[in-house]
């Protein structure tokens, strides 16, 4: 089975390195790829939030891990890659729910996107409240500790 993906857009921002914390002040522009018609953004401004699926293109294949302590911190439990959100994933895919700040014909500006400058965007979806969890979100205590300086 062959899977072919291509970037529909590219992230533009001031973050040049994949640093784990302090993403809160970063605004990102998502620019459509050449050949992607502006009509794909038609009515996107009607939404407050979007889901951005992107490719961790700077992750070295040698750093991909199937389990480990989040952020390499031995104070956190040993967990599988699918029980954490680190960038060193088997398919190098990232997912972020972002706030739409503004939009133009070929560029949208978003807040809360933890992707560095030049990151390829594979897909963009509007957030529908009907797709949000219907039950309370449960997570281990270590997650709150890990995320305390992220945004």
Protein backbone atom coordinates (compact mmCIF):
# COMPACT_ATOMS: atom_id res chain seq x y z
CA UNK A 1 0.00 0.00 0.00
CA UNK A 2 1.44 3.34 -1.03
CA UNK A 3 0.49 6.47 0.87
CA UNK A 4 1.26 9.79 -0.74
CA UNK A 5 0.93 13.03 1.20
CA UNK A 6 1.91 16.50 0.12
CA UNK A 7 1.94 19.81 2.00
CA UNK A 8 -1.08 22.01 1.48
CA UNK A 9 0.60 24.90 3.30
CA UNK A 10 3.69 25.95 5.26
CA UNK A 11 4.02 27.42 8.76
CA UNK A 12 5.71 30.82 9.03
CA UNK A 13 6.68 32.17 12.47
CA UNK A 14 9.65 33.28 14.58
CA UNK A 15 10.34 29.88 16.18
CA UNK A 16 13.32 28.35 14.40
CA UNK A 17 14.07 25.40 16.69
CA UNK A 18 11.81 22.73 18.22
CA UNK A 19 11.89 23.97 21.82
CA UNK A 20 9.39 22.35 24.21
CA UNK A 21 8.09 25.38 26.14
CA UNK A 22 6.98 29.00 25.79
CA UNK A 23 4.72 28.70 22.75
CA UNK A 24 2.07 31.06 24.14
CA UNK A 25 3.40 34.25 22.52
CA UNK A 26 3.95 32.75 19.09
CA UNK A 27 1.61 33.76 16.28
CA UNK A 28 1.93 31.65 13.16
CA UNK A 29 0.96 32.33 9.60
CA UNK A 30 -0.06 29.34 7.52
CA UNK A 31 0.62 30.07 3.85
CA UNK A 32 -0.98 27.97 1.15
CA UNK A 33 1.41 25.96 -1.02
CA UNK A 34 1.97 26.98 -4.61
CA UNK A 35 -0.74 25.41 -6.72
CA UNK A 36 -3.22 25.22 -3.82
CA UNK A 37 -6.12 27.49 -4.86
CA UNK A 38 -7.31 30.23 -2.50
CA UNK A 39 -10.82 28.75 -2.64
CA UNK A 40 -9.76 26.14 -0.04
CA UNK A 41 -9.92 28.94 2.57
CA UNK A 42 -13.41 30.05 1.50
CA UNK A 43 -15.53 30.63 4.65
CA UNK A 44 -12.75 29.51 7.01
CA UNK A 45 -13.15 32.84 8.83
CA UNK A 46 -16.56 31.65 10.05
CA UNK A 47 -14.75 29.40 12.55
CA UNK A 48 -12.96 30.38 15.75
CA UNK A 49 -10.72 27.29 15.97
CA UNK A 50 -9.02 24.93 13.56
CA UNK A 51 -7.18 21.63 13.76
CA UNK A 52 -3.80 21.69 12.05
CA UNK A 53 -2.16 18.42 11.02
CA UNK A 54 1.51 18.91 10.27
CA UNK A 55 4.71 17.00 9.59
CA UNK A 56 7.69 17.12 11.95
CA UNK A 57 10.09 17.45 9.01
CA UNK A 58 13.15 18.16 11.19
CA UNK A 59 12.86 15.05 13.36
CA UNK A 60 15.81 12.73 12.83
CA UNK A 61 14.71 9.14 12.16
CA UNK A 62 17.24 8.01 14.79
CA UNK A 63 15.39 9.94 17.51
CA UNK A 64 12.07 8.17 16.96
CA UNK A 65 11.16 6.21 20.08
CA UNK A 66 8.24 3.89 20.75
CA UNK A 67 8.32 4.48 24.49
CA UNK A 68 10.17 6.51 27.08
CA UNK A 69 9.88 8.99 29.90
CA UNK A 70 8.17 12.16 28.59
CA UNK A 71 10.85 14.77 27.86
CA UNK A 72 13.40 12.23 29.10
CA UNK A 73 12.47 13.09 32.69
CA UNK A 74 12.85 10.01 34.94
CA UNK A 75 10.38 11.60 37.38
CA UNK A 76 7.67 10.95 34.79
CA UNK A 77 6.54 7.35 34.17
CA UNK A 78 7.75 5.21 31.31
CA UNK A 79 4.95 5.42 28.72
CA UNK A 80 4.37 4.39 25.11
CA UNK A 81 4.65 6.92 22.33
CA UNK A 82 0.86 6.90 21.88
CA UNK A 83 0.45 7.95 25.55
CA UNK A 84 2.41 11.18 24.98
CA UNK A 85 2.57 13.97 22.40
CA UNK A 86 6.30 14.24 21.68
CA UNK A 87 7.56 15.01 18.19
CA UNK A 88 9.70 11.86 17.86
CA UNK A 89 6.80 9.74 16.56
CA UNK A 90 6.76 6.84 14.09
CA UNK A 91 5.05 8.89 11.34
CA UNK A 92 6.26 12.32 12.52
CA UNK A 93 2.74 13.75 12.57
CA UNK A 94 1.69 16.66 14.75
CA UNK A 95 -1.81 17.81 15.61
CA UNK A 96 -2.79 21.10 17.22
CA UNK A 97 -6.09 22.81 17.92
CA UNK A 98 -5.48 26.49 17.22
CA UNK A 99 -7.36 29.76 17.50
CA UNK A 100 -7.95 31.48 14.17
CA UNK A 101 -6.82 35.10 14.53
CA UNK A 102 -7.26 36.34 10.95
CA UNK A 103 -7.40 35.16 7.38
CA UNK A 104 -6.69 36.43 3.89
CA UNK A 105 -6.95 34.85 0.47
CA UNK A 106 -3.89 32.60 0.87
CA UNK A 107 -2.79 32.96 4.51
CA UNK A 108 -4.36 32.35 7.89
CA UNK A 109 -2.90 33.59 11.17
CA UNK A 110 -3.31 31.34 14.19
CA UNK A 111 -2.44 31.17 17.88
CA UNK A 112 -1.37 28.04 19.83
CA UNK A 113 0.34 26.20 16.99
CA UNK A 114 3.45 24.44 18.29
CA UNK A 115 5.16 24.06 14.92
CA UNK A 116 8.37 25.78 13.89
CA UNK A 117 8.98 28.01 10.89
CA UNK A 118 8.97 26.03 7.63
CA UNK A 119 6.89 23.13 8.96
CA UNK A 120 4.78 21.49 6.24
CA UNK A 121 1.03 21.49 6.92
CA UNK A 122 -0.75 18.37 5.66
CA UNK A 123 -4.35 19.28 6.45
CA UNK A 124 -6.54 21.91 8.10
CA UNK A 125 -9.95 21.18 9.58
CA UNK A 126 -12.46 23.42 11.34
CA UNK A 127 -13.30 22.55 14.93
CA UNK A 128 -16.94 21.53 15.29
CA UNK A 129 -18.15 21.56 18.89
CA UNK A 130 -20.06 18.37 18.05
CA UNK A 131 -16.71 16.57 17.64
CA UNK A 132 -15.41 17.72 21.02
CA UNK A 133 -15.40 15.20 23.90
CA UNK A 134 -18.80 14.55 25.44
CA UNK A 135 -17.34 13.29 28.70
CA UNK A 136 -14.75 14.82 31.07
CA UNK A 137 -11.13 14.60 29.96
CA UNK A 138 -8.98 12.37 32.18
CA UNK A 139 -5.18 12.52 32.25
CA UNK A 140 -2.37 11.56 34.63
CA UNK A 141 -0.94 14.19 37.01
CA UNK A 142 2.45 14.25 35.23
CA UNK A 143 0.83 15.84 32.16
CA UNK A 144 -0.14 18.99 34.05
CA UNK A 145 3.40 19.27 35.39
CA UNK A 146 4.92 18.77 31.93
CA UNK A 147 2.61 21.40 30.38
CA UNK A 148 2.90 24.13 33.03
CA UNK A 149 5.27 26.29 30.90
CA UNK A 150 4.23 25.08 27.44
CA UNK A 151 1.85 27.91 26.59
